[in-house]
Amino acid sequence: LKAHKDGSRFWVKDKGPVVESYIGFIENYRDPAGTRAEFESF
């Protein structure tokens, strides 16, 4: 998870890209315990 957080840091630093994308286990809406995330990418 640390590596994904580090990737997210570089993503935040990438200001104003023409092609934008984010990928990983992002939103935890569907886990009944509210902590595990569904895979999502755009």
ModelCIF file with pLDDT and N, C-alpha, C, O atoms, coordinates in Angstrom:
data_MODEL
#
_entry.id   MODEL 
#
_entity.id                         1 
_entity.type                       polymer 
_entity.pdbx_number_of_molecules   1 
#
_entity_poly.entity_id                      1 
_entity_poly.type                           'polypeptide(L)' 
_entity_poly.nstd_linkage                   no 
_entity_poly.nstd_monomer                   no 
_entity_poly.pdbx_seq_one_letter_code       LKAHKDGSRFWVKDKGPVVESYIGFIENYRDPAGTRAEFESF 
_entity_poly.pdbx_seq_one_letter_code_can   LKAHKDGSRFWVKDKGPVVESYIGFIENYRDPAGTRAEFESF 
_entity_poly.pdbx_strand_id                 A 
#
loop_
_entity_poly_seq.entity_id 
_entity_poly_seq.num 
_entity_poly_seq.mon_id 
_entity_poly_seq.hetero 
1 1  LEU n 
1 2  LYS n 
1 3  ALA n 
1 4  HIS n 
1 5  LYS n 
1 6  ASP n 
1 7  GLY n 
1 8  SER n 
1 9  ARG n 
1 10 PHE n 
1 11 TRP n 
1 12 VAL n 
1 13 LYS n 
1 14 ASP n 
1 15 LYS n 
1 16 GLY n 
1 17 PRO n 
1 18 VAL n 
1 19 VAL n 
1 20 GLU n 
1 21 SER n 
1 22 TYR n 
1 23 ILE n 
1 24 GLY n 
1 25 PHE n 
1 26 ILE n 
1 27 GLU n 
1 28 ASN n 
1 29 TYR n 
1 30 ARG n 
1 31 ASP n 
1 32 PRO n 
1 33 ALA n 
1 34 GLY n 
1 35 THR n 
1 36 ARG n 
1 37 ALA n 
1 38 GLU n 
1 39 PHE n 
1 40 GLU n 
1 41 SER n 
1 42 PHE n 
#
_struct_asym.id          A 
_struct_asym.entity_id   1 
#
loop_
_ma_qa_metric.id 
_ma_qa_metric.mode 
_ma_qa_metric.name 
_ma_qa_metric.software_group_id 
_ma_qa_metric.type 
1 global pLDDT . pLDDT 
2 local  pLDDT . pLDDT 
#
_ma_qa_metric_global.metric_id      1 
_ma_qa_metric_global.metric_value   95.29 
_ma_qa_metric_global.model_id       1 
_ma_qa_metric_global.ordinal_id     1 
#
loop_
_ma_qa_metric_local.label_asym_id 
_ma_qa_metric_local.label_comp_id 
_ma_qa_metric_local.label_seq_id 
_ma_qa_metric_local.metric_id 
_ma_qa_metric_local.metric_value 
_ma_qa_metric_local.model_id 
_ma_qa_metric_local.ordinal_id 
A LEU 1  2 96.00 1 1  
A LYS 2  2 96.00 1 2  
A ALA 3  2 97.00 1 3  
A HIS 4  2 98.00 1 4  
A LYS 5  2 97.00 1 5  
A ASP 6  2 98.00 1 6  
A GLY 7  2 98.00 1 7  
A SER 8  2 97.00 1 8  
A ARG 9  2 97.00 1 9  
A PHE 10 2 97.00 1 10 
A TRP 11 2 96.00 1 11 
A VAL 12 2 95.00 1 12 
A LYS 13 2 95.00 1 13 
A ASP 14 2 95.00 1 14 
A LYS 15 2 91.00 1 15 
A GLY 16 2 87.00 1 16 
A PRO 17 2 93.00 1 17 
A VAL 18 2 95.00 1 18 
A VAL 19 2 96.00 1 19 
A GLU 20 2 96.00 1 20 
A SER 21 2 96.00 1 21 
A TYR 22 2 97.00 1 22 
A ILE 23 2 98.00 1 23 
A GLY 24 2 98.00 1 24 
A PHE 25 2 98.00 1 25 
A ILE 26 2 96.00 1 26 
A GLU 27 2 94.00 1 27 
A ASN 28 2 91.00 1 28 
A TYR 29 2 89.00 1 29 
A ARG 30 2 93.00 1 30 
A ASP 31 2 94.00 1 31 
A PRO 32 2 93.00 1 32 
A ALA 33 2 93.00 1 33 
A GLY 34 2 90.00 1 34 
A THR 35 2 94.00 1 35 
A ARG 36 2 96.00 1 36 
A ALA 37 2 97.00 1 37 
A GLU 38 2 97.00 1 38 
A PHE 39 2 98.00 1 39 
A GLU 40 2 97.00 1 40 
A SER 41 2 97.00 1 41 
A PHE 42 2 96.00 1 42 
#
loop_
_atom_site.group_PDB 
_atom_site.id 
_atom_site.type_symbol 
_atom_site.label_atom_id 
_atom_site.label_alt_id 
_atom_site.label_comp_id 
_atom_site.label_asym_id 
_atom_site.label_entity_id 
_atom_site.label_seq_id 
_atom_site.pdbx_PDB_ins_code 
_atom_site.Cartn_x 
_atom_site.Cartn_y 
_atom_site.Cartn_z 
_atom_site.occupancy 
_atom_site.B_iso_or_equiv 
_atom_site.pdbx_formal_charge 
_atom_site.auth_seq_id 
_atom_site.auth_comp_id 
_atom_site.auth_asym_id 
_atom_site.auth_atom_id 
_atom_site.pdbx_PDB_model_num 
ATOM 1   N N  . LEU A 1 1  ? 0.838   -1.194 0.000   1.00 96.00 ? 1  LEU A N  1 
ATOM 2   C CA . LEU A 1 1  ? 0.000   0.000  0.000   1.00 96.00 ? 1  LEU A CA 1 
ATOM 3   C C  . LEU A 1 1  ? 0.877   1.249  0.000   1.00 96.00 ? 1  LEU A C  1 
ATOM 4   O O  . LEU A 1 1  ? 0.500   2.274  -0.569  1.00 96.00 ? 1  LEU A O  1 
ATOM 5   N N  . LYS A 1 2  ? 2.042   1.166  0.634   1.00 96.00 ? 2  LYS A N  1 
ATOM 6   C CA . LYS A 1 2  ? 2.972   2.291  0.635   1.00 96.00 ? 2  LYS A CA 1 
ATOM 7   C C  . LYS A 1 2  ? 3.357   2.674  -0.791  1.00 96.00 ? 2  LYS A C  1 
ATOM 8   O O  . LYS A 1 2  ? 3.435   3.858  -1.121  1.00 96.00 ? 2  LYS A O  1 
ATOM 9   N N  . ALA A 1 3  ? 3.597   1.671  -1.633  1.00 97.00 ? 3  ALA A N  1 
ATOM 10  C CA . ALA A 1 3  ? 3.967   1.958  -3.020  1.00 97.00 ? 3  ALA A CA 1 
ATOM 11  C C  . ALA A 1 3  ? 2.831   2.669  -3.743  1.00 97.00 ? 3  ALA A C  1 
ATOM 12  O O  . ALA A 1 3  ? 3.076   3.565  -4.551  1.00 97.00 ? 3  ALA A O  1 
ATOM 13  N N  . HIS A 1 4  ? 1.595   2.281  -3.461  1.00 98.00 ? 4  HIS A N  1 
ATOM 14  C CA . HIS A 1 4  ? 0.472   2.956  -4.114  1.00 98.00 ? 4  HIS A CA 1 
ATOM 15  C C  . HIS A 1 4  ? 0.335   4.389  -3.605  1.00 98.00 ? 4  HIS A C  1 
ATOM 16  O O  . HIS A 1 4  ? 0.013   5.295  -4.374  1.00 98.00 ? 4  HIS A O  1 
ATOM 17  N N  . LYS A 1 5  ? 0.576   4.589  -2.329  1.00 97.00 ? 5  LYS A N  1 
ATOM 18  C CA . LYS A 1 5  ? 0.560   5.952  -1.790  1.00 97.00 ? 5  LYS A CA 1 
ATOM 19  C C  . LYS A 1 5  ? 1.661   6.793  -2.437  1.00 97.00 ? 5  LYS A C  1 
ATOM 20  O O  . LYS A 1 5  ? 1.442   7.957  -2.770  1.00 97.00 ? 5  LYS A O  1 
ATOM 21  N N  . ASP A 1 6  ? 2.852   6.198  -2.613  1.00 98.00 ? 6  ASP A N  1 
ATOM 22  C CA . ASP A 1 6  ? 3.944   6.930  -3.268  1.00 98.00 ? 6  ASP A CA 1 
ATOM 23  C C  . ASP A 1 6  ? 3.577   7.250  -4.719  1.00 98.00 ? 6  ASP A C  1 
ATOM 24  O O  . ASP A 1 6  ? 3.862   8.344  -5.208  1.00 98.00 ? 6  ASP A O  1 
ATOM 25  N N  . GLY A 1 7  ? 2.943   6.295  -5.406  1.00 98.00 ? 7  GLY A N  1 
ATOM 26  C CA . GLY A 1 7  ? 2.473   6.563  -6.760  1.00 98.00 ? 7  GLY A CA 1 
ATOM 27  C C  . GLY A 1 7  ? 1.464   7.692  -6.782  1.00 98.00 ? 7  GLY A C  1 
ATOM 28  O O  . GLY A 1 7  ? 1.449   8.509  -7.703  1.00 98.00 ? 7  GLY A O  1 
ATOM 29  N N  . SER A 1 8  ? 0.621   7.733  -5.760  1.00 97.00 ? 8  SER A N  1 
ATOM 30  C CA . SER A 1 8  ? -0.379  8.800  -5.655  1.00 97.00 ? 8  SER A CA 1 
ATOM 31  C C  . SER A 1 8  ? 0.282   10.155 -5.434  1.00 97.00 ? 8  SER A C  1 
ATOM 32  O O  . SER A 1 8  ? -0.215  11.177 -5.907  1.00 97.00 ? 8  SER A O  1 
ATOM 33  N N  . ARG A 1 9  ? 1.393   10.161 -4.721  1.00 97.00 ? 9  ARG A N  1 
ATOM 34  C CA . ARG A 1 9  ? 2.128   11.419 -4.508  1.00 97.00 ? 9  ARG A CA 1 
ATOM 35  C C  . ARG A 1 9  ? 2.671   11.962 -5.823  1.00 97.00 ? 9  ARG A C  1 
ATOM 36  O O  . ARG A 1 9  ? 2.597   13.163 -6.083  1.00 97.00 ? 9  ARG A O  1 
ATOM 37  N N  . PHE A 1 10 ? 3.219   11.070 -6.655  1.00 97.00 ? 10 PHE A N  1 
ATOM 38  C CA . PHE A 1 10 ? 3.697   11.515 -7.969  1.00 97.00 ? 10 PHE A CA 1 
ATOM 39  C C  . PHE A 1 10 ? 2.521   11.944 -8.848  1.00 97.00 ? 10 PHE A C  1 
ATOM 40  O O  . PHE A 1 10 ? 2.650   12.854 -9.668  1.00 97.00 ? 10 PHE A O  1 
ATOM 41  N N  . TRP A 1 11 ? 1.383   11.289 -8.674  1.00 96.00 ? 11 TRP A N  1 
ATOM 42  C CA . TRP A 1 11 ? 0.186   11.669 -9.429  1.00 96.00 ? 11 TRP A CA 1 
ATOM 43  C C  . TRP A 1 11 ? -0.249  13.087 -9.061  1.00 96.00 ? 11 TRP A C  1 
ATOM 44  O O  . TRP A 1 11 ? -0.600  13.881 -9.933  1.00 96.00 ? 11 TRP A O  1 
ATOM 45  N N  . VAL A 1 12 ? -0.223  13.400 -7.763  1.00 95.00 ? 12 VAL A N  1 
ATOM 46  C CA . VAL A 1 12 ? -0.592  14.744 -7.313  1.00 95.00 ? 12 VAL A CA 1 
ATOM 47  C C  . VAL A 1 12 ? 0.376   15.786 -7.886  1.00 95.00 ? 12 VAL A C  1 
ATOM 48  O O  . VAL A 1 12 ? -0.034  16.889 -8.247  1.00 95.00 ? 12 VAL A O  1 
ATOM 49  N N  . LYS A 1 13 ? 1.655   15.428 -7.967  1.00 95.00 ? 13 LYS A N  1 
ATOM 50  C CA . LYS A 1 13 ? 2.662   16.364 -8.480  1.00 95.00 ? 13 LYS A CA 1 
ATOM 51  C C  . LYS A 1 13 ? 2.532   16.599 -9.982  1.00 95.00 ? 13 LYS A C  1 
ATOM 52  O O  . LYS A 1 13 ? 3.017   17.607 -10.497 1.00 95.00 ? 13 LYS A O  1 
ATOM 53  N N  . ASP A 1 14 ? 1.887   15.684 -10.680 1.00 95.00 ? 14 ASP A N  1 
ATOM 54  C CA . ASP A 1 14 ? 1.753   15.797 -12.137 1.00 95.00 ? 14 ASP A CA 1 
ATOM 55  C C  . ASP A 1 14 ? 0.629   16.781 -12.457 1.00 95.00 ? 14 ASP A C  1 
ATOM 56  O O  . ASP A 1 14 ? -0.510  16.385 -12.704 1.00 95.00 ? 14 ASP A O  1 
ATOM 57  N N  . LYS A 1 15 ? 0.966   18.051 -12.450 1.00 91.00 ? 15 LYS A N  1 
ATOM 58  C CA . LYS A 1 15 ? -0.034  19.104 -12.599 1.00 91.00 ? 15 LYS A CA 1 
ATOM 59  C C  . LYS A 1 15 ? -0.450  19.285 -14.063 1.00 91.00 ? 15 LYS A C  1 
ATOM 60  O O  . LYS A 1 15 ? 0.387   19.330 -14.965 1.00 91.00 ? 15 LYS A O  1 
ATOM 61  N N  . GLY A 1 16 ? -1.747  19.385 -14.269 1.00 87.00 ? 16 GLY A N  1 
ATOM 62  C CA . GLY A 1 16 ? -2.288  19.723 -15.584 1.00 87.00 ? 16 GLY A CA 1 
ATOM 63  C C  . GLY A 1 16 ? -1.922  18.820 -16.730 1.00 87.00 ? 16 GLY A C  1 
ATOM 64  O O  . GLY A 1 16 ? -1.643  19.314 -17.822 1.00 87.00 ? 16 GLY A O  1 
ATOM 65  N N  . PRO A 1 17 ? -1.907  17.489 -16.530 1.00 93.00 ? 17 PRO A N  1 
ATOM 66  C CA . PRO A 1 17 ? -1.592  16.613 -17.671 1.00 93.00 ? 17 PRO A CA 1 
ATOM 67  C C  . PRO A 1 17 ? -2.705  16.654 -18.716 1.00 93.00 ? 17 PRO A C  1 
ATOM 68  O O  . PRO A 1 17 ? -3.866  16.898 -18.387 1.00 93.00 ? 17 PRO A O  1 
ATOM 69  N N  . VAL A 1 18 ? -2.351  16.418 -19.951 1.00 95.00 ? 18 VAL A N  1 
ATOM 70  C CA . VAL A 1 18 ? -3.362  16.367 -21.010 1.00 95.00 ? 18 VAL A CA 1 
ATOM 71  C C  . VAL A 1 18 ? -4.203  15.110 -20.862 1.00 95.00 ? 18 VAL A C  1 
ATOM 72  O O  . VAL A 1 18 ? -5.426  15.153 -20.992 1.00 95.00 ? 18 VAL A O  1 
ATOM 73  N N  . VAL A 1 19 ? -3.536  13.980 -20.588 1.00 96.00 ? 19 VAL A N  1 
ATOM 74  C CA . VAL A 1 19 ? -4.227  12.712 -20.333 1.00 96.00 ? 19 VAL A CA 1 
ATOM 75  C C  . VAL A 1 19 ? -4.120  12.418 -18.841 1.00 96.00 ? 19 VAL A C  1 
ATOM 76  O O  . VAL A 1 19 ? -3.019  12.277 -18.309 1.00 96.00 ? 19 VAL A O  1 
ATOM 77  N N  . GLU A 1 20 ? -5.249  12.328 -18.179 1.00 96.00 ? 20 GLU A N  1 
ATOM 78  C CA . GLU A 1 20 ? -5.294  12.116 -16.729 1.00 96.00 ? 20 GLU A CA 1 
ATOM 79  C C  . GLU A 1 20 ? -5.776  10.704 -16.446 1.00 96.00 ? 20 GLU A C  1 
ATOM 80  O O  . GLU A 1 20 ? -6.659  10.187 -17.130 1.00 96.00 ? 20 GLU A O  1 
ATOM 81  N N  . SER A 1 21 ? -5.182  10.080 -15.420 1.00 96.00 ? 21 SER A N  1 
ATOM 82  C CA . SER A 1 21 ? -5.587  8.716  -15.078 1.00 96.00 ? 21 SER A CA 1 
ATOM 83  C C  . SER A 1 21 ? -5.251  8.425  -13.623 1.00 96.00 ? 21 SER A C  1 
ATOM 84  O O  . SER A 1 21 ? -4.282  8.952  -13.078 1.00 96.00 ? 21 SER A O  1 
ATOM 85  N N  . TYR A 1 22 ? -6.063  7.583  -13.007 1.00 97.00 ? 22 TYR A N  1 
ATOM 86  C CA . TYR A 1 22 ? -5.780  7.108  -11.642 1.00 97.00 ? 22 TYR A CA 1 
ATOM 87  C C  . TYR A 1 22 ? -6.288  5.683  -11.563 1.00 97.00 ? 22 TYR A C  1 
ATOM 88  O O  . TYR A 1 22 ? -7.325  5.358  -12.140 1.00 97.00 ? 22 TYR A O  1 
ATOM 89  N N  . ILE A 1 23 ? -5.558  4.823  -10.848 1.00 98.00 ? 23 ILE A N  1 
ATOM 90  C CA . ILE A 1 23 ? -5.897  3.400  -10.865 1.00 98.00 ? 23 ILE A CA 1 
ATOM 91  C C  . ILE A 1 23 ? -5.557  2.759  -9.536  1.00 98.00 ? 23 ILE A C  1 
ATOM 92  O O  . ILE A 1 23 ? -4.531  3.068  -8.931  1.00 98.00 ? 23 ILE A O  1 
ATOM 93  N N  . GLY A 1 24 ? -6.425  1.861  -9.081  1.00 98.00 ? 24 GLY A N  1 
ATOM 94  C CA . GLY A 1 24 ? -6.131  1.127  -7.856  1.00 98.00 ? 24 GLY A CA 1 
ATOM 95  C C  . GLY A 1 24 ? -7.384  0.785  -7.069  1.00 98.00 ? 24 GLY A C  1 
ATOM 96  O O  . GLY A 1 24 ? -8.495  0.817  -7.597  1.00 98.00 ? 24 GLY A O  1 
ATOM 97  N N  . PHE A 1 25 ? -7.187  0.459  -5.800  1.00 98.00 ? 25 PHE A N  1 
ATOM 98  C CA . PHE A 1 25 ? -8.290  0.136  -4.897  1.00 98.00 ? 25 PHE A CA 1 
ATOM 99  C C  . PHE A 1 25 ? -8.648  1.440  -4.181  1.00 98.00 ? 25 PHE A C  1 
ATOM 100 O O  . PHE A 1 25 ? -7.976  1.837  -3.229  1.00 98.00 ? 25 PHE A O  1 
ATOM 101 N N  . ILE A 1 26 ? -9.700  2.096  -4.640  1.00 96.00 ? 26 ILE A N  1 
ATOM 102 C CA . ILE A 1 26 ? -9.906  3.525  -4.359  1.00 96.00 ? 26 ILE A CA 1 
ATOM 103 C C  . ILE A 1 26 ? -11.031 3.809  -3.372  1.00 96.00 ? 26 ILE A C  1 
ATOM 104 O O  . ILE A 1 26 ? -10.800 4.430  -2.334  1.00 96.00 ? 26 ILE A O  1 
ATOM 105 N N  . GLU A 1 27 ? -12.244 3.362  -3.682  1.00 94.00 ? 27 GLU A N  1 
ATOM 106 C CA . GLU A 1 27 ? -13.420 3.748  -2.884  1.00 94.00 ? 27 GLU A CA 1 
ATOM 107 C C  . GLU A 1 27 ? -13.914 2.566  -2.051  1.00 94.00 ? 27 GLU A C  1 
ATOM 108 O O  . GLU A 1 27 ? -14.006 1.440  -2.538  1.00 94.00 ? 27 GLU A O  1 
ATOM 109 N N  . ASN A 1 28 ? -14.235 2.851  -0.766  1.00 91.00 ? 28 ASN A N  1 
ATOM 110 C CA . ASN A 1 28 ? -14.648 1.770  0.136   1.00 91.00 ? 28 ASN A CA 1 
ATOM 111 C C  . ASN A 1 28 ? -16.154 1.765  0.414   1.00 91.00 ? 28 ASN A C  1 
ATOM 112 O O  . ASN A 1 28 ? -16.588 1.335  1.482   1.00 91.00 ? 28 ASN A O  1 
ATOM 113 N N  . TYR A 1 29 ? -16.945 2.239  -0.540  1.00 89.00 ? 29 TYR A N  1 
ATOM 114 C CA . TYR A 1 29 ? -18.395 2.289  -0.349  1.00 89.00 ? 29 TYR A CA 1 
ATOM 115 C C  . TYR A 1 29 ? -19.026 0.901  -0.189  1.00 89.00 ? 29 TYR A C  1 
ATOM 116 O O  . TYR A 1 29 ? -19.976 0.742  0.578   1.00 89.00 ? 29 TYR A O  1 
ATOM 117 N N  . ARG A 1 30 ? -18.509 -0.102 -0.902  1.00 93.00 ? 30 ARG A N  1 
ATOM 118 C CA . ARG A 1 30 ? -19.229 -1.373 -1.001  1.00 93.00 ? 30 ARG A CA 1 
ATOM 119 C C  . ARG A 1 30 ? -18.821 -2.399 0.055   1.00 93.00 ? 30 ARG A C  1 
ATOM 120 O O  . ARG A 1 30 ? -19.531 -3.383 0.262   1.00 93.00 ? 30 ARG A O  1 
ATOM 121 N N  . ASP A 1 31 ? -17.700 -2.186 0.717   1.00 94.00 ? 31 ASP A N  1 
ATOM 122 C CA . ASP A 1 31 ? -17.313 -3.070 1.808   1.00 94.00 ? 31 ASP A CA 1 
ATOM 123 C C  . ASP A 1 31 ? -18.243 -2.826 2.986   1.00 94.00 ? 31 ASP A C  1 
ATOM 124 O O  . ASP A 1 31 ? -18.339 -1.690 3.451   1.00 94.00 ? 31 ASP A O  1 
ATOM 125 N N  . PRO A 1 32 ? -18.939 -3.856 3.494   1.00 93.00 ? 32 PRO A N  1 
ATOM 126 C CA . PRO A 1 32 ? -19.856 -3.620 4.613   1.00 93.00 ? 32 PRO A CA 1 
ATOM 127 C C  . PRO A 1 32 ? -19.153 -3.085 5.856   1.00 93.00 ? 32 PRO A C  1 
ATOM 128 O O  . PRO A 1 32 ? -19.784 -2.454 6.704   1.00 93.00 ? 32 PRO A O  1 
ATOM 129 N N  . ALA A 1 33 ? -17.841 -3.337 5.969   1.00 93.00 ? 33 ALA A N  1 
ATOM 130 C CA . ALA A 1 33 ? -17.078 -2.810 7.103   1.00 93.00 ? 33 ALA A CA 1 
ATOM 131 C C  . ALA A 1 33 ? -16.552 -1.409 6.833   1.00 93.00 ? 33 ALA A C  1 
ATOM 132 O O  . ALA A 1 33 ? -16.066 -0.749 7.751   1.00 93.00 ? 33 ALA A O  1 
ATOM 133 N N  . GLY A 1 34 ? -16.640 -0.938 5.577   1.00 90.00 ? 34 GLY A N  1 
ATOM 134 C CA . GLY A 1 34 ? -16.278 0.437  5.241   1.00 90.00 ? 34 GLY A CA 1 
ATOM 135 C C  . GLY A 1 34 ? -14.796 0.720  5.160   1.00 90.00 ? 34 GLY A C  1 
ATOM 136 O O  . GLY A 1 34 ? -14.392 1.880  5.238   1.00 90.00 ? 34 GLY A O  1 
ATOM 137 N N  . THR A 1 35 ? -13.956 -0.320 5.003   1.00 94.00 ? 35 THR A N  1 
ATOM 138 C CA . THR A 1 35 ? -12.510 -0.084 4.972   1.00 94.00 ? 35 THR A CA 1 
ATOM 139 C C  . THR A 1 35 ? -11.817 -0.628 3.728   1.00 94.00 ? 35 THR A C  1 
ATOM 140 O O  . THR A 1 35 ? -10.790 -0.086 3.318   1.00 94.00 ? 35 THR A O  1 
ATOM 141 N N  . ARG A 1 36 ? -12.344 -1.671 3.123   1.00 96.00 ? 36 ARG A N  1 
ATOM 142 C CA . ARG A 1 36 ? -11.717 -2.270 1.945   1.00 96.00 ? 36 ARG A CA 1 
ATOM 143 C C  . ARG A 1 36 ? -12.294 -1.635 0.682   1.00 96.00 ? 36 ARG A C  1 
ATOM 144 O O  . ARG A 1 36 ? -13.474 -1.290 0.639   1.00 96.00 ? 36 ARG A O  1 
ATOM 145 N N  . ALA A 1 37 ? -11.462 -1.484 -0.340  1.00 97.00 ? 37 ALA A N  1 
ATOM 146 C CA . ALA A 1 37 ? -11.865 -0.670 -1.484  1.00 97.00 ? 37 ALA A CA 1 
ATOM 147 C C  . ALA A 1 37 ? -12.072 -1.492 -2.753  1.00 97.00 ? 37 ALA A C  1 
ATOM 148 O O  . ALA A 1 37 ? -11.415 -2.507 -2.989  1.00 97.00 ? 37 ALA A O  1 
ATOM 149 N N  . GLU A 1 38 ? -13.004 -1.011 -3.548  1.00 97.00 ? 38 GLU A N  1 
ATOM 150 C CA . GLU A 1 38 ? -13.265 -1.580 -4.869  1.00 97.00 ? 38 GLU A CA 1 
ATOM 151 C C  . GLU A 1 38 ? -12.204 -1.089 -5.847  1.00 97.00 ? 38 GLU A C  1 
ATOM 152 O O  . GLU A 1 38 ? -11.712 0.035  -5.741  1.00 97.00 ? 38 GLU A O  1 
ATOM 153 N N  . PHE A 1 39 ? -11.862 -1.951 -6.800  1.00 98.00 ? 39 PHE A N  1 
ATOM 154 C CA . PHE A 1 39 ? -10.944 -1.521 -7.846  1.00 98.00 ? 39 PHE A CA 1 
ATOM 155 C C  . PHE A 1 39 ? -11.643 -0.485 -8.729  1.00 98.00 ? 39 PHE A C  1 
ATOM 156 O O  . PHE A 1 39 ? -12.822 -0.614 -9.059  1.00 98.00 ? 39 PHE A O  1 
ATOM 157 N N  . GLU A 1 40 ? -10.881 0.541  -9.097  1.00 97.00 ? 40 GLU A N  1 
ATOM 158 C CA . GLU A 1 40 ? -11.437 1.621  -9.915  1.00 97.00 ? 40 GLU A CA 1 
ATOM 159 C C  . GLU A 1 40 ? -10.319 2.219  -10.748 1.00 97.00 ? 40 GLU A C  1 
ATOM 160 O O  . GLU A 1 40 ? -9.190  2.353  -10.276 1.00 97.00 ? 40 GLU A O  1 
ATOM 161 N N  . SER A 1 41 ? -10.626 2.575  -11.970 1.00 97.00 ? 41 SER A N  1 
ATOM 162 C CA . SER A 1 41 ? -9.625  3.241  -12.808 1.00 97.00 ? 41 SER A CA 1 
ATOM 163 C C  . SER A 1 41 ? -10.332 4.097  -13.850 1.00 97.00 ? 41 SER A C  1 
ATOM 164 O O  . SER A 1 41 ? -11.358 3.710  -14.408 1.00 97.00 ? 41 SER A O  1 
ATOM 165 N N  . PHE A 1 42 ? -9.758  5.266  -14.095 1.00 96.00 ? 42 PHE A N  1 
ATOM 166 C CA . PHE A 1 42 ? -10.304 6.091  -15.164 1.00 96.00 ? 42 PHE A CA 1 
ATOM 167 C C  . PHE A 1 42 ? -9.178  6.647  -16.018 1.00 96.00 ? 42 PHE A C  1 
ATOM 168 O O  . PHE A 1 42 ? -9.433  7.373  -16.979 1.00 96.00 ? 42 PHE A O  1 
#
